[in-house]
Amino acid sequence: MAYTRAWTNFRRMQDITVAAACLIYAGAVLDAFQRLPGSLSLIAERTLVWPAGFLFLSLAIPLVVGRLRRGLARYVWMSFNAGFGQSVGSVLIGIGLLAGAALFMYWQIGSAANGGRYPAGVFSGYAAGIGILGAQALLVRVLERHPEVRRAIEVEE
């Protein structure tokens, strides 16, 4: 099945966004293990264990709860129609948002390494964001099966 270039770019942007967010998160976790005070188990708990729960919930709930799934699918479709992931500007904005979140995480790690508040919340929040991005990327595939969407995104042969 062949899709329009716009849809292919949009779908690719959704996937790349999830992958980039995961890589940023992995880098922040590695940085946390090198710089944060406390035992390895404390750092693992705050950067991996608790955030994994938030990631799972924010990924699963929008896919399982019908009203949320429909709302998020509608948001994904509106994002496509608005041109997200299909222009240089929208790609740069997406990269900027990811970079801003990454800088905030690294700033929080640096602050905690110098005696500031422990950054447990920032890891859980970022993981929850990755879960929502993942749900959106999965809903792109669900939308492809919807008859009306299919008519709009398939290339006529």
Protein backbone atom coordinates (compact mmCIF):
# COMPACT_ATOMS: atom_id res chain seq x y z
CA MET A 1 0.00 0.00 0.00
CA ALA A 2 1.48 3.35 -1.04
CA TYR A 3 0.84 6.49 0.97
CA THR A 4 1.16 10.12 0.08
CA ARG A 5 4.51 11.74 0.71
CA ALA A 6 2.94 13.94 3.39
CA TRP A 7 1.65 10.92 5.32
CA THR A 8 4.94 9.05 4.97
CA ASN A 9 6.84 12.08 6.30
CA PHE A 10 4.36 12.50 9.14
CA ARG A 11 4.57 8.86 10.15
CA ARG A 12 8.36 8.95 9.96
CA MET A 13 8.43 12.10 12.10
CA GLN A 14 6.30 10.41 14.76
CA ASP A 15 8.70 7.45 14.89
CA ILE A 16 11.83 9.60 14.89
CA THR A 17 10.42 11.76 17.67
CA VAL A 18 9.90 8.71 19.89
CA ALA A 19 13.37 7.38 19.08
CA ALA A 20 15.02 10.75 19.73
CA ALA A 21 13.17 11.16 23.03
CA CYS A 22 14.32 7.68 24.10
CA LEU A 23 17.93 8.44 23.20
CA ILE A 24 17.82 11.72 25.10
CA TYR A 25 16.37 9.90 28.09
CA ALA A 26 19.04 7.19 27.93
CA GLY A 27 21.76 9.84 27.83
CA ALA A 28 20.27 11.62 30.82
CA VAL A 29 20.09 8.36 32.78
CA LEU A 30 23.75 7.64 32.03
CA ASP A 31 24.63 11.17 33.10
CA ALA A 32 22.61 10.73 36.27
CA PHE A 33 24.46 7.54 37.18
CA GLN A 34 27.76 9.38 36.78
CA ARG A 35 26.86 12.58 38.62
CA LEU A 36 24.01 12.11 41.10
CA PRO A 37 24.74 11.49 44.75
CA GLY A 38 23.39 8.38 46.43
CA SER A 39 23.56 4.67 45.95
CA LEU A 40 23.16 3.00 42.58
CA SER A 41 19.86 1.52 43.72
CA LEU A 42 18.53 4.99 44.65
CA ILE A 43 19.57 6.40 41.28
CA ALA A 44 18.07 3.40 39.46
CA GLU A 45 14.83 3.74 41.40
CA ARG A 46 14.50 7.45 40.57
CA THR A 47 15.64 7.29 36.94
CA LEU A 48 14.41 3.88 35.79
CA VAL A 49 11.95 2.10 38.08
CA TRP A 50 9.44 4.85 38.89
CA PRO A 51 9.68 6.46 35.45
CA ALA A 52 9.01 3.06 33.82
CA GLY A 53 5.65 2.98 35.59
CA PHE A 54 4.78 6.45 34.32
CA LEU A 55 5.88 5.51 30.80
CA PHE A 56 3.75 2.36 30.86
CA LEU A 57 0.68 4.16 32.17
CA SER A 58 0.94 7.08 29.75
CA LEU A 59 1.40 4.65 26.85
CA ALA A 60 -1.27 2.12 27.85
CA ILE A 61 -4.10 4.28 29.19
CA PRO A 62 -4.63 6.32 25.98
CA LEU A 63 -4.62 3.11 23.95
CA VAL A 64 -6.96 1.16 26.23
CA VAL A 65 -9.51 3.81 27.28
CA GLY A 66 -11.75 4.38 24.28
CA ARG A 67 -12.56 8.03 24.91
CA LEU A 68 -8.87 8.89 25.36
CA ARG A 69 -7.86 6.82 22.34
CA ARG A 70 -10.40 8.60 20.14
CA GLY A 71 -9.33 12.00 21.45
CA LEU A 72 -5.64 11.31 20.92
CA ALA A 73 -6.30 9.83 17.47
CA ARG A 74 -8.25 12.98 16.58
CA TYR A 75 -5.31 15.07 17.81
CA VAL A 76 -2.87 13.01 15.70
CA TRP A 77 -5.08 13.45 12.63
CA MET A 78 -5.37 17.20 13.24
CA SER A 79 -1.58 17.38 13.63
CA PHE A 80 -1.18 15.73 10.26
CA ASN A 81 -3.70 18.06 8.66
CA ALA A 82 -1.90 21.05 10.20
CA GLY A 83 1.32 19.93 8.51
CA PHE A 84 3.30 18.75 11.52
CA GLY A 85 6.34 16.74 10.50
CA GLN A 86 5.95 17.74 6.88
CA SER A 87 7.80 21.04 6.79
CA VAL A 88 11.20 22.24 7.87
CA GLY A 89 9.64 24.61 10.38
CA SER A 90 7.57 21.97 12.12
CA VAL A 91 10.55 19.60 12.28
CA LEU A 92 12.71 22.35 13.80
CA ILE A 93 10.02 23.14 16.36
CA GLY A 94 9.81 19.45 17.31
CA ILE A 95 13.59 19.26 17.66
CA GLY A 96 13.56 22.45 19.69
CA LEU A 97 10.99 21.06 22.10
CA LEU A 98 12.97 17.85 22.57
CA ALA A 99 16.18 19.85 23.05
CA GLY A 100 14.48 22.09 25.61
CA ALA A 101 13.26 19.11 27.59
CA ALA A 102 16.73 17.54 27.40
CA LEU A 103 18.40 20.72 28.63
CA PHE A 104 15.94 20.89 31.52
CA MET A 105 16.76 17.30 32.50
CA TYR A 106 20.51 17.89 32.35
CA TRP A 107 20.10 21.13 34.31
CA GLN A 108 18.16 19.25 37.00
CA ILE A 109 20.89 16.58 37.18
CA GLY A 110 23.57 19.26 37.47
CA SER A 111 21.65 21.06 40.20
CA ALA A 112 21.24 17.86 42.22
CA ALA A 113 24.90 16.98 41.75
CA ASN A 114 25.74 20.32 43.36
CA GLY A 115 23.50 19.84 46.38
CA GLY A 116 20.12 20.80 44.91
CA ARG A 117 16.85 18.91 44.92
CA TYR A 118 16.92 15.34 43.65
CA PRO A 119 15.49 15.25 40.08
CA ALA A 120 13.12 12.30 40.43
CA GLY A 121 10.12 14.18 39.04
CA VAL A 122 11.81 15.27 35.85
CA PHE A 123 12.61 11.66 34.92
CA SER A 124 9.06 10.50 35.59
CA GLY A 125 7.61 13.42 33.66
CA TYR A 126 9.88 12.87 30.70
CA ALA A 127 9.13 9.14 30.69
CA ALA A 128 5.40 9.92 30.71
CA GLY A 129 5.98 12.18 27.72
CA ILE A 130 7.74 9.36 25.90
CA GLY A 131 4.73 7.14 26.62
CA ILE A 132 2.36 9.67 25.07
CA LEU A 133 4.64 10.09 22.05
CA GLY A 134 4.67 6.30 21.70
CA ALA A 135 0.88 6.15 21.87
CA GLN A 136 0.67 8.78 19.13
CA ALA A 137 3.10 6.83 16.95
CA LEU A 138 1.00 3.69 17.41
CA LEU A 139 -2.22 5.55 16.67
CA VAL A 140 -0.77 6.64 13.33
CA ARG A 141 -0.90 2.97 12.33
CA VAL A 142 -4.45 2.67 13.67
CA LEU A 143 -5.54 5.69 11.66
CA GLU A 144 -4.17 4.10 8.48
CA ARG A 145 -6.89 1.44 8.78
CA HIS A 146 -9.73 3.96 9.10
CA PRO A 147 -11.62 4.14 5.76
CA GLU A 148 -11.89 7.94 5.62
CA VAL A 149 -8.26 8.46 6.58
CA ARG A 150 -7.20 5.77 4.14
CA ARG A 151 -8.91 7.60 1.26
CA ALA A 152 -7.06 10.77 2.21
CA ILE A 153 -3.57 9.28 2.59
CA GLU A 154 -3.35 6.56 -0.06
CA VAL A 155 -1.79 7.31 -3.41
CA GLU A 156 -4.09 6.48 -6.28
CA GLU A 157 -2.48 4.07 -8.68
